[in-house]
Protein backbone atom coordinates (compact mmCIF):
# COMPACT_ATOMS: atom_id res chain seq x y z
CA MET A 1 2.69 -6.01 4.84
CA GLY A 2 6.43 -5.73 5.18
CA LEU A 3 6.20 -4.57 8.88
CA LEU A 4 3.54 -6.72 9.46
CA TYR A 5 5.49 -10.04 8.46
CA LEU A 6 8.88 -8.42 10.07
CA ALA A 7 7.37 -8.05 13.62
CA ALA A 8 6.15 -11.67 13.15
CA VAL A 9 9.29 -13.17 12.49
CA LEU A 10 11.06 -11.49 14.94
CA GLU A 11 8.12 -12.59 17.64
CA GLN A 12 8.53 -16.02 16.22
CA ASN A 13 12.12 -15.94 17.28
CA GLU A 14 11.54 -14.58 20.66
CA TYR A 15 13.08 -11.18 19.88
CA GLU A 16 10.76 -8.12 21.31
CA VAL A 17 9.72 -5.95 18.89
CA ASP A 18 7.52 -3.06 18.74
CA VAL A 19 6.12 -1.02 16.06
CA LEU A 20 5.14 2.84 15.32
CA ASP A 21 2.91 3.13 12.83
CA LEU A 22 3.33 6.77 11.42
CA LEU A 23 1.11 6.23 8.31
CA VAL A 24 -2.09 6.78 10.55
CA SER A 25 -0.66 9.16 12.89
CA ARG A 26 1.44 12.38 13.00
CA TYR A 27 5.04 12.29 12.38
CA THR A 28 6.75 14.56 14.73
CA LYS A 29 10.49 14.08 16.15
CA ASP A 30 9.11 14.73 19.67
CA LYS A 31 6.98 11.42 19.07
CA ILE A 32 9.97 9.38 17.93
CA ARG A 33 12.30 10.54 20.61
CA SER A 34 9.70 9.67 23.33
CA LYS A 35 9.34 6.23 21.79
CA LEU A 36 12.93 6.00 21.95
CA GLU A 37 13.26 6.89 25.41
CA GLN A 38 10.36 4.38 26.26
CA TYR A 39 11.25 1.39 24.41
CA GLU A 40 15.39 1.86 24.46
CA PRO A 41 15.81 0.00 21.19
CA ASP A 42 19.06 -1.92 20.10
CA ILE A 43 17.81 -1.19 16.47
CA VAL A 44 15.51 0.70 14.57
CA GLY A 45 13.95 -0.45 11.25
CA VAL A 46 12.07 1.01 8.65
CA THR A 47 11.10 0.20 5.36
CA CYS A 48 9.88 2.67 2.42
CA VAL A 49 9.31 2.80 -1.23
CA THR A 50 11.01 5.50 -3.19
CA MET A 51 8.36 7.86 -2.73
CA ASN A 52 8.66 8.30 1.11
CA TYR A 53 12.33 7.29 1.40
CA PRO A 54 13.55 10.72 1.76
CA THR A 55 11.08 10.63 5.32
CA ALA A 56 12.06 7.21 5.80
CA SER A 57 15.96 8.17 5.88
CA ASP A 58 15.35 11.29 7.85
CA ILE A 59 13.34 9.49 11.05
CA LEU A 60 16.66 7.23 10.95
CA LYS A 61 19.03 10.32 11.20
CA TYR A 62 16.94 11.70 14.23
CA CYS A 63 17.21 8.18 15.66
CA LYS A 64 20.96 8.39 15.59
CA SER A 65 21.13 11.92 17.10
CA VAL A 66 18.92 10.83 19.95
CA ASN A 67 21.11 7.60 20.43
CA PRO A 68 24.17 7.07 18.64
CA ASP A 69 24.46 3.40 19.55
CA ILE A 70 21.39 2.44 17.80
CA ILE A 71 21.81 0.43 14.87
CA THR A 72 19.79 2.05 11.70
CA VAL A 73 18.59 -0.62 9.09
CA ILE A 74 16.44 0.38 6.23
CA GLY A 75 14.82 -2.08 3.75
CA GLY A 76 12.05 -1.90 0.62
CA PRO A 77 12.39 -1.70 -3.23
CA HIS A 78 13.79 1.62 -3.05
CA VAL A 79 17.10 0.63 -1.07
CA THR A 80 17.17 -2.79 -2.53
CA PHE A 81 18.26 -1.72 -5.98
CA ALA A 82 20.18 1.54 -4.62
CA PRO A 83 22.16 0.33 -1.61
CA VAL A 84 25.33 1.88 -2.17
CA GLU A 85 24.28 4.96 -3.04
CA THR A 86 21.77 4.84 0.23
CA LEU A 87 24.87 4.27 2.52
CA ASN A 88 27.35 6.87 0.84
CA GLU A 89 24.53 9.53 0.88
CA ALA A 90 23.22 8.74 4.36
CA PRO A 91 25.85 8.20 7.00
CA TRP A 92 23.19 7.60 9.67
CA ILE A 93 21.86 4.28 7.92
CA ASP A 94 24.17 1.41 9.44
CA ILE A 95 22.44 -1.65 7.09
CA VAL A 96 20.73 -1.87 3.65
CA VAL A 97 18.12 -5.09 3.59
CA MET A 98 17.52 -5.88 -0.10
CA GLY A 99 14.71 -8.16 -1.13
CA GLU A 100 12.60 -10.03 1.18
CA GLY A 101 13.91 -8.91 4.75
CA GLU A 102 12.30 -11.76 7.65
CA TYR A 103 14.92 -14.14 7.84
CA THR A 104 17.64 -11.29 7.11
CA LEU A 105 16.54 -9.37 9.71
CA VAL A 106 16.89 -12.47 12.16
CA ASP A 107 20.50 -12.80 11.36
CA ILE A 108 21.06 -9.39 12.03
CA VAL A 109 19.17 -8.98 15.44
CA SER A 110 20.70 -12.42 16.29
CA GLY A 111 24.32 -10.89 16.38
CA LYS A 112 25.55 -12.75 13.48
CA ASN A 113 28.85 -11.28 11.74
CA LEU A 114 27.26 -9.06 8.73
CA ASN A 115 30.00 -10.54 6.54
CA TYR A 116 28.03 -13.94 6.55
CA VAL A 117 24.61 -12.46 6.53
CA ASP A 118 23.07 -12.54 2.60
CA GLY A 119 21.25 -9.59 1.26
CA ILE A 120 22.49 -6.80 3.02
CA ALA A 121 25.12 -3.64 2.26
CA PHE A 122 26.86 -2.17 4.94
CA ARG A 123 30.19 -0.49 5.76
CA SER A 124 33.38 -2.09 5.89
CA ASP A 125 36.11 -0.59 4.37
CA GLY A 126 33.81 1.61 2.13
CA VAL A 127 30.54 -0.30 1.46
CA LYS A 128 30.03 -3.97 1.11
CA VAL A 129 27.38 -6.06 -0.44
CA THR A 130 27.03 -9.28 0.54
CA ALA A 131 25.79 -12.19 -1.51
CA GLN A 132 22.33 -12.23 -2.91
CA ARG A 133 19.68 -13.87 -0.52
CA SER A 134 18.01 -16.51 -1.92
CA LEU A 135 13.67 -16.18 -1.68
CA ILE A 136 11.87 -17.59 0.97
CA GLU A 137 10.46 -20.90 -0.91
CA ASN A 138 8.13 -22.21 1.92
CA LEU A 139 5.89 -19.25 2.64
CA ASP A 140 3.90 -21.39 5.22
CA ALA A 141 6.68 -21.21 7.33
CA LEU A 142 5.96 -17.74 7.82
CA PRO A 143 3.87 -16.74 10.64
CA LEU A 144 0.47 -14.74 10.69
CA PRO A 145 1.64 -10.93 10.35
CA ALA A 146 1.56 -9.13 13.72
CA ARG A 147 -1.46 -7.49 13.31
CA HIS A 148 -2.01 -6.84 17.10
CA LEU A 149 0.89 -4.61 17.35
CA PHE A 150 -1.09 -1.92 15.19
CA PRO A 151 -3.51 0.89 15.84
CA THR A 152 -6.42 -1.24 14.14
CA SER A 153 -9.04 0.91 15.55
CA ARG A 154 -7.59 3.88 13.54
CA TYR A 155 -7.49 1.77 10.15
CA HIS A 156 -11.00 0.81 11.22
CA ALA A 157 -12.14 4.73 11.31
CA LEU A 158 -10.73 4.83 8.33
CA ALA A 159 -13.23 2.35 6.80
CA SER A 160 -9.74 0.68 5.47
CA HIS A 161 -9.50 -2.87 4.32
CA CYS A 162 -7.54 -5.97 5.44
CA SER A 163 -4.63 -6.70 3.45
CA LEU A 164 -2.84 -9.93 2.98
CA ILE A 165 -0.98 -12.08 0.47
CA THR A 166 -1.62 -15.55 -0.96
CA GLY A 167 1.88 -15.74 -2.69
CA ARG A 168 4.76 -13.83 -3.99
CA GLY A 169 6.10 -13.45 -7.41
CA CYS A 170 5.53 -12.41 -10.83
CA PRO A 171 6.51 -13.97 -14.25
CA PHE A 172 6.45 -10.91 -16.50
CA ASN A 173 8.82 -8.30 -16.95
CA CYS A 174 6.75 -5.15 -17.51
CA ILE A 175 9.46 -2.42 -17.85
CA PHE A 176 8.30 0.12 -15.55
CA CYS A 177 7.73 -2.30 -12.58
CA VAL A 178 9.93 -3.95 -10.23
CA GLY A 179 7.58 -6.88 -9.05
CA SER A 180 9.31 -9.50 -10.47
CA LYS A 181 12.41 -8.52 -9.33
CA MET A 182 11.41 -8.01 -5.62
CA GLY A 183 9.40 -11.16 -5.59
CA GLY A 184 10.93 -13.43 -8.43
CA ARG A 185 10.06 -14.45 -11.71
CA ARG A 186 8.66 -17.82 -10.37
CA ALA A 187 5.62 -17.24 -8.28
CA ARG A 188 5.30 -19.03 -4.70
CA PHE A 189 2.19 -19.87 -3.04
CA ARG A 190 0.84 -20.40 0.24
CA ASP A 191 -1.39 -23.04 1.27
CA PRO A 192 -5.31 -21.91 0.52
CA LYS A 193 -6.37 -23.02 4.20
CA LEU A 194 -3.61 -21.02 5.89
CA VAL A 195 -4.97 -17.93 3.52
CA VAL A 196 -8.41 -18.28 4.80
CA ASP A 197 -7.51 -18.66 8.33
CA GLU A 198 -5.65 -15.20 7.77
CA ILE A 199 -9.04 -13.65 5.88
CA GLU A 200 -11.13 -15.42 9.02
CA HIS A 201 -8.51 -13.83 11.58
CA GLY A 202 -8.81 -10.38 9.86
CA LEU A 203 -12.35 -10.64 9.91
CA SER A 204 -12.46 -11.48 13.92
CA LEU A 205 -10.78 -8.20 13.90
CA GLY A 206 -13.67 -6.05 12.63
CA PHE A 207 -12.83 -5.79 9.17
CA ASP A 208 -15.35 -6.29 6.52
CA GLN A 209 -13.25 -5.81 3.41
CA VAL A 210 -10.37 -7.47 2.37
CA ASN A 211 -7.56 -6.84 -0.12
CA LEU A 212 -5.16 -9.34 -1.58
CA GLU A 213 -2.37 -7.67 -2.64
CA ASP A 214 -0.80 -10.46 -4.51
CA ASP A 215 1.14 -9.10 -7.57
CA LEU A 216 -1.15 -10.72 -9.79
CA PHE A 217 -3.79 -13.14 -7.88
CA THR A 218 -5.36 -14.54 -10.98
CA LEU A 219 -2.00 -16.16 -12.26
CA ASN A 220 -2.49 -19.75 -10.89
CA HIS A 221 -6.19 -20.69 -11.47
CA LYS A 222 -5.61 -23.59 -9.85
CA HIS A 223 -4.49 -21.72 -6.44
CA LEU A 224 -7.47 -19.07 -7.09
CA HIS A 225 -10.25 -21.79 -7.15
CA ALA A 226 -8.67 -23.53 -4.05
CA ILE A 227 -8.95 -20.34 -1.96
CA CYS A 228 -12.17 -19.12 -3.12
CA ASP A 229 -13.86 -22.81 -2.51
CA GLU A 230 -12.53 -22.65 0.91
CA ILE A 231 -14.15 -19.28 1.42
CA ILE A 232 -17.64 -20.98 0.09
CA ALA A 233 -17.16 -24.06 2.42
CA ARG A 234 -16.41 -21.96 5.42
CA GLU A 235 -19.56 -19.81 4.41
CA LEU A 236 -17.62 -16.75 5.08
CA LYS A 237 -18.97 -13.40 3.91
CA PHE A 238 -16.99 -10.54 3.20
CA LYS A 239 -16.28 -8.30 0.22
CA TRP A 240 -12.47 -8.57 -1.37
CA SER A 241 -10.45 -7.30 -3.94
CA VAL A 242 -7.44 -8.39 -6.27
CA PHE A 243 -4.91 -7.47 -8.71
CA ALA A 244 -5.16 -8.88 -11.91
CA ARG A 245 -4.01 -8.89 -15.61
CA VAL A 246 -6.47 -9.15 -18.58
CA ASP A 247 -5.01 -12.22 -20.12
CA THR A 248 -5.26 -14.24 -16.91
CA VAL A 249 -8.94 -14.60 -16.80
CA ASN A 250 -11.87 -16.18 -18.20
CA PRO A 251 -15.38 -16.70 -17.52
CA VAL A 252 -14.75 -19.64 -15.10
CA VAL A 253 -12.57 -17.89 -13.15
CA LEU A 254 -14.50 -14.86 -12.57
CA GLU A 255 -17.49 -16.39 -12.28
CA LYS A 256 -16.01 -18.50 -9.23
CA LEU A 257 -14.84 -15.08 -7.78
CA LYS A 258 -18.27 -13.53 -7.58
CA GLN A 259 -19.27 -17.06 -5.91
CA ALA A 260 -16.78 -16.41 -3.04
CA GLY A 261 -17.22 -12.65 -2.51
CA CYS A 262 -14.78 -11.15 -4.52
CA ASP A 263 -16.25 -7.55 -5.74
CA TRP A 264 -13.50 -5.99 -7.51
CA LEU A 265 -10.72 -6.79 -9.73
CA CYS A 266 -8.01 -3.81 -11.02
CA TYR A 267 -6.46 -4.49 -14.44
CA GLY A 268 -3.05 -3.01 -14.77
CA ILE A 269 -4.47 -1.73 -18.40
CA GLU A 270 -1.59 1.20 -18.61
CA SER A 271 -2.04 2.61 -22.11
CA GLY A 272 -4.73 3.19 -25.13
CA ASN A 273 -1.98 2.97 -27.26
CA GLN A 274 -0.89 -0.79 -28.47
CA GLN A 275 2.57 0.51 -29.54
CA ILE A 276 3.15 1.59 -26.18
CA LEU A 277 2.23 -1.59 -25.00
CA ASP A 278 4.68 -3.45 -26.84
CA ILE A 279 7.16 -1.12 -25.81
CA VAL A 280 6.84 -1.41 -22.36
CA LYS A 281 6.45 -5.17 -22.80
CA LYS A 282 2.94 -5.51 -21.35
CA LYS A 283 2.15 -8.34 -23.80
CA ILE A 284 -1.89 -7.41 -23.95
CA THR A 285 -3.84 -6.04 -26.60
CA LEU A 286 -6.44 -3.66 -26.46
CA ASP A 287 -9.07 -6.01 -27.79
CA LYS A 288 -8.06 -8.63 -24.98
CA ILE A 289 -8.40 -5.47 -22.69
CA ARG A 290 -12.16 -5.24 -24.01
CA GLU A 291 -13.15 -8.46 -23.71
CA SER A 292 -11.78 -8.80 -20.43
CA VAL A 293 -13.34 -5.97 -19.15
CA LYS A 294 -16.55 -7.24 -20.53
CA MET A 295 -16.15 -10.44 -19.14
CA ALA A 296 -15.84 -9.28 -15.43
CA LYS A 297 -18.66 -6.70 -15.81
CA ASP A 298 -20.87 -9.66 -17.14
CA ALA A 299 -19.89 -11.53 -14.08
CA GLY A 300 -21.07 -9.19 -11.82
CA VAL A 301 -17.49 -8.00 -10.78
CA ASN A 302 -16.24 -4.49 -10.60
CA VAL A 303 -13.44 -3.28 -12.65
CA LEU A 304 -10.82 -0.63 -12.04
CA ALA A 305 -8.85 0.16 -14.99
CA SER A 306 -5.43 1.77 -14.03
CA PHE A 307 -3.42 3.29 -16.88
CA ILE A 308 0.03 4.94 -16.50
CA LEU A 309 0.90 8.17 -18.72
CA GLY A 310 4.09 9.40 -19.61
CA LEU A 311 5.15 5.82 -20.76
CA PRO A 312 7.77 5.23 -23.33
CA GLY A 313 6.56 6.46 -26.98
CA GLU A 314 3.91 8.81 -25.47
CA THR A 315 2.85 12.06 -27.46
CA LYS A 316 0.13 14.33 -27.43
CA GLU A 317 -1.77 12.04 -29.62
CA THR A 318 -1.25 8.84 -27.54
CA LEU A 319 -2.45 10.80 -24.16
CA LEU A 320 -6.06 11.45 -26.06
CA GLN A 321 -5.92 7.83 -27.40
CA THR A 322 -5.77 6.53 -23.89
CA MET A 323 -8.14 9.13 -22.24
CA GLU A 324 -10.40 8.11 -24.91
CA PHE A 325 -9.79 4.27 -24.62
CA ALA A 326 -10.33 4.59 -20.83
CA ARG A 327 -13.91 5.90 -21.56
CA GLU A 328 -14.74 3.67 -23.97
CA LEU A 329 -14.45 0.38 -21.56
CA ASP A 330 -17.38 2.12 -19.56
CA THR A 331 -16.18 0.94 -16.46
CA TYR A 332 -14.36 3.11 -13.25
CA TYR A 333 -10.97 3.88 -14.33
CA GLY A 334 -7.97 6.05 -12.74
CA PHE A 335 -4.31 7.49 -14.21
CA HIS A 336 -1.01 7.36 -12.52
CA VAL A 337 2.09 9.10 -14.08
CA LEU A 338 5.21 7.13 -15.07
CA ALA A 339 7.60 7.05 -11.98
CA PRO A 340 10.96 5.48 -13.02
CA PHE A 341 11.74 3.90 -9.93
CA PRO A 342 15.29 2.43 -9.39
CA GLY A 343 15.39 -0.77 -10.54
CA THR A 344 13.33 -0.48 -13.23
CA GLU A 345 14.23 -1.27 -16.75
CA VAL A 346 12.61 2.12 -17.91
CA ARG A 347 15.18 4.15 -15.50
CA GLU A 348 18.17 1.45 -16.13
CA LYS A 349 17.54 2.22 -20.07
CA ALA A 350 16.15 5.28 -20.20
CA ASP A 351 18.00 6.68 -22.95
CA GLU A 352 17.13 3.63 -25.30
CA TYR A 353 13.67 4.19 -24.47
CA GLY A 354 13.97 7.89 -25.43
CA LEU A 355 12.95 8.81 -21.93
CA GLU A 356 14.69 11.99 -20.04
CA ILE A 357 14.57 11.63 -16.50
CA LEU A 358 14.10 15.06 -14.92
CA THR A 359 14.92 14.71 -11.29
CA ASN A 360 16.17 12.61 -8.47
CA ASP A 361 13.86 14.25 -6.00
CA TRP A 362 12.68 10.98 -4.51
CA ALA A 363 9.76 12.70 -2.70
CA LYS A 364 8.50 13.87 -6.27
CA TYR A 365 8.07 10.17 -7.40
CA ASP A 366 4.85 9.70 -6.21
CA ALA A 367 3.01 8.47 -9.44
CA ASN A 368 0.83 11.67 -9.43
CA ARG A 369 3.27 14.31 -11.00
CA PRO A 370 5.47 14.10 -14.22
CA VAL A 371 9.17 13.77 -13.24
CA SER A 372 10.10 13.01 -16.77
CA ARG A 373 9.59 13.52 -20.36
CA THR A 374 9.41 11.75 -23.54
CA GLU A 375 10.38 13.33 -27.07
CA GLY A 376 6.45 13.46 -27.90
CA ALA A 377 5.39 14.46 -24.60
CA SER A 378 6.20 17.32 -22.26
CA PRO A 379 5.48 17.37 -18.43
CA GLU A 380 3.00 20.31 -19.10
CA ASP A 381 0.94 17.70 -21.84
CA ILE A 382 0.92 14.89 -18.93
CA THR A 383 -0.37 17.70 -16.55
CA ALA A 384 -3.09 19.05 -18.88
CA ALA A 385 -4.58 15.52 -19.52
CA LEU A 386 -4.53 14.64 -15.98
CA HIS A 387 -6.15 18.13 -15.30
CA LYS A 388 -8.67 17.16 -17.57
CA TYR A 389 -9.29 13.65 -16.31
CA TYR A 390 -9.67 15.26 -12.94
CA LYS A 391 -12.18 18.15 -14.22
CA GLY A 392 -14.14 15.32 -15.28
CA LEU A 393 -14.45 13.20 -12.04
CA ARG A 394 -17.90 13.01 -10.41
CA ILE A 395 -17.94 11.96 -6.87
CA VAL A 396 -20.84 9.46 -7.34
CA PRO A 397 -21.20 7.85 -10.96
CA ASP A 398 -24.46 7.86 -12.85
CA GLY A 399 -25.65 4.39 -13.91
CA PRO A 400 -28.88 2.24 -13.71
CA GLU A 401 -26.82 -0.39 -11.37
CA LYS A 402 -26.38 2.21 -8.56
CA SER A 403 -29.37 1.93 -6.26
CA GLU A 404 -30.66 5.30 -4.26
CA VAL A 405 -29.22 3.73 -1.27
CA ASP A 406 -25.84 2.79 -2.77
CA ARG A 407 -25.45 6.33 -3.64
CA VAL A 408 -26.41 7.59 0.07
CA GLU A 409 -23.69 5.06 1.39
CA LEU A 410 -21.11 6.14 -1.05
CA ALA A 411 -21.90 9.68 -0.41
CA LYS A 412 -21.45 9.14 3.30
CA SER A 413 -18.31 7.17 3.14
CA GLN A 414 -16.73 9.61 1.13
CA ARG A 415 -17.57 12.08 3.47
CA ARG A 416 -16.44 10.17 6.51
CA SER A 417 -12.83 9.31 5.26
CA PRO A 418 -11.69 13.09 5.00
CA LEU A 419 -12.88 13.43 8.65
CA ALA A 420 -10.91 10.40 10.06
CA TRP A 421 -8.09 11.43 8.28
CA SER A 422 -7.67 14.31 9.87
CA LEU A 423 -8.49 12.66 13.09
CA VAL A 424 -5.99 10.15 12.97
CA SER A 425 -2.91 11.89 10.92
CA GLY A 426 -2.92 14.80 13.31
CA ASP A 427 -3.16 13.10 16.61
CA VAL A 428 -6.26 15.34 17.21
CA ILE A 429 -7.62 12.82 20.08
CA GLU A 430 -4.46 12.43 21.79
CA SER A 431 -3.93 15.88 21.79
CA LEU A 432 -7.30 16.87 23.65
CA GLY A 433 -5.90 16.22 27.15
CA GLY A 434 -8.83 16.05 30.08
CA ILE A 435 -12.43 16.78 28.92
CA ILE A 436 -14.58 17.99 32.18
CA GLN A 437 -17.96 16.10 31.52
CA THR A 438 -21.13 18.49 30.90
CA ASP A 439 -23.28 17.17 28.41
CA GLY A 440 -22.54 13.56 28.23
CA PRO A 441 -18.82 12.08 27.09
CA VAL A 442 -19.88 11.64 23.11
CA GLU A 443 -21.67 15.33 22.91
CA ASP A 444 -18.21 16.97 25.05
CA LEU A 445 -15.85 15.00 22.80
CA ALA A 446 -17.88 15.71 19.64
CA ASP A 447 -17.93 19.79 20.76
CA ARG A 448 -14.38 20.00 21.29
CA ILE A 449 -13.52 18.50 17.99
CA THR A 450 -15.85 20.85 16.71
CA LYS A 451 -13.77 23.76 17.51
CA LEU A 452 -10.65 22.50 16.23
CA ILE A 453 -11.13 21.10 12.77
CA PRO A 454 -13.44 22.73 10.16
CA TYR A 455 -16.19 19.80 9.25
CA PRO A 456 -19.81 20.41 10.32
CA PRO A 457 -20.90 19.99 14.25
CA GLN A 458 -23.56 17.18 13.00
CA GLN A 459 -21.07 14.83 10.61
CA ILE A 460 -18.58 14.98 13.63
CA HIS A 461 -21.20 14.01 16.10
CA GLU A 462 -22.21 11.03 13.70
CA ASN A 463 -18.99 9.71 13.24
CA ILE A 464 -17.64 10.12 16.96
CA THR A 465 -21.03 8.41 17.95
CA SER A 466 -20.37 5.73 15.48
CA TRP A 467 -17.10 4.92 16.50
CA VAL A 468 -17.50 4.79 20.22
CA ASP A 469 -20.42 2.71 19.65
CA LYS A 470 -18.05 -0.14 17.63
CA GLY A 471 -15.71 0.24 20.40
CA LEU A 472 -12.71 2.56 18.31
CA LEU A 473 -12.73 5.28 20.69
CA LYS A 474 -12.76 4.93 24.65
CA TYR A 475 -11.99 7.40 27.47
CA ASP A 476 -10.20 6.69 31.00
CA MET A 477 -10.94 8.85 34.02
CA LYS A 478 -7.94 10.85 35.13
CA ASP A 479 -8.35 13.50 37.81
CA GLY A 480 -12.26 13.68 37.41
CA GLN A 481 -12.08 14.47 33.55
CA LEU A 482 -12.30 11.96 30.41
CA VAL A 483 -8.85 11.31 28.81
CA TRP A 484 -10.05 9.88 24.97
CA ARG A 485 -7.81 7.48 23.31
CA TRP A 486 -8.04 5.25 19.91
CA ALA A 487 -8.94 1.94 21.47
C-alpha cells in the first residue's frame, strides 16, 4: 500500500514514476541494472519493514554502484524509528523518510531545499533530522492508489486479495506495536463513498476478495456502518476481511459486516494469560475474548485468532496456557513470535520488561523465530511450542460446517499457491524464451514448465490453462516462435 500511494501522489503532481515490484518476481542485480539503464531515474526509493530492511538497503547500495548520481531514498516503519542509525551504517542511502511519506516525497522530488522538508533525515555536517511532519488530515485528498503500475496478473495467479485502507491511526498503545506511532493515536477516516469507489475499482481489475488493511477497522462504528451500507446499496458481491479488536465489536456490528459480505475477522488476541495481556497493555480480558469470538461465529463471520509467543512475562507454563486457550476458542488460530521492532515500547524498555534481545540481525525479525528471551521462557521453549503447533496443523480443518465442495476447493487453492509462487518468484515464464509450436500454445508451455519445476504435469496444465483463459498469461510471436509473458 505504501508504494501504491507514493506512486499515485507523484503522478498526481505530474512526476514520471515507475515501480519495480520485487515481491512477486525474482530479485537479481541484473534486473535492477536493466531497469536503471532502461528508465534512467533521478531518484530511487524503497520501502521496508524491519525484516526486509537488509535487502532494501542492499538494493539502494547496488543502485549507487551503477550510478552514483542517483538520489537514494528509503522509508517505512523500520527506518522511521532508526533514521540516524540507518544513515550512519549505510552511506549509500541519501535520505530517510519518516512516517507518512506521500507529501514528503513530493517535496523531495520537487528539488526543495532539504533543510526545509519536514519528516526526513539526511547528511549535512553529520546527520540532520528535520522537524516532524504533520499527519495528513484529509485522506480524501490522496488519489486512488496507482494499481496500474503493478503486475496485477501475477497477483491474480497467486489468488491474492486486493488491499486498501479506509483510515489511518490507532488509539491503542500495545507495547509490541508501532501502529499508533506511525499513523497517530487519533484515527483519520476516508469518505465511505470514496472507499467503496476504490473497492469497485479493485473488483473491476478482476479481484474478488478485498482486505481492509486498517490497523483497526472496527474502531469507529459510524464509519463502519456507512461503508457497509454503501456496499449493500451498490449490491456489490465480494468477500472481504478486516482487522479487529475483541472490545470493538457487538452483535449489531457483526451482523452488519456479515450482511455486507465480510467473511473474516482477524482478532489480535496475543496471549491466553491475563497477566501477560495486562503487561503488554492490551486492555482486554480472556472472558471478553471468548465472548467476542462466539459473537462473530454466531453472526456467521469466520475468526482468525492471532497470538504472539515470547511476550514479557512468558514462561513455559504461560506458553501451555496460550496453546490451550487457542484450542478452547474453537476457531482458526495462528502464532507469531515477538519481534521487538525499533520504535516499540517493548524494545525501548526491554530491561524494564525483563526482556533480553538476542540479536540485531534484522533479517531474523520475521516473527517466525525467537530473537529475544524472557526470564521464564528461552528461545528453545518458544521453538518447541511452535513445533508442537505446526505438528498439529491440518490442511483442511474438520467440522460439519465444511461441505465436501468446500474441502475440494480449499485443497485446490492450497495446491495452486505454491506452484504459482514458484513461477512468479522465479521469473520462470520470462526465462523460457521462444517456444516452437508443436501440440498447441498451452500444451507446449505446460510441457516446457514441467521440465523445469517439480510439480505434477496435470496440475501444471490445469493452472496454465486457467491463467490463459483468464487473460493472465499471453504470448507474442517473434521469429516464428511463441514468447510468453504475464499480462
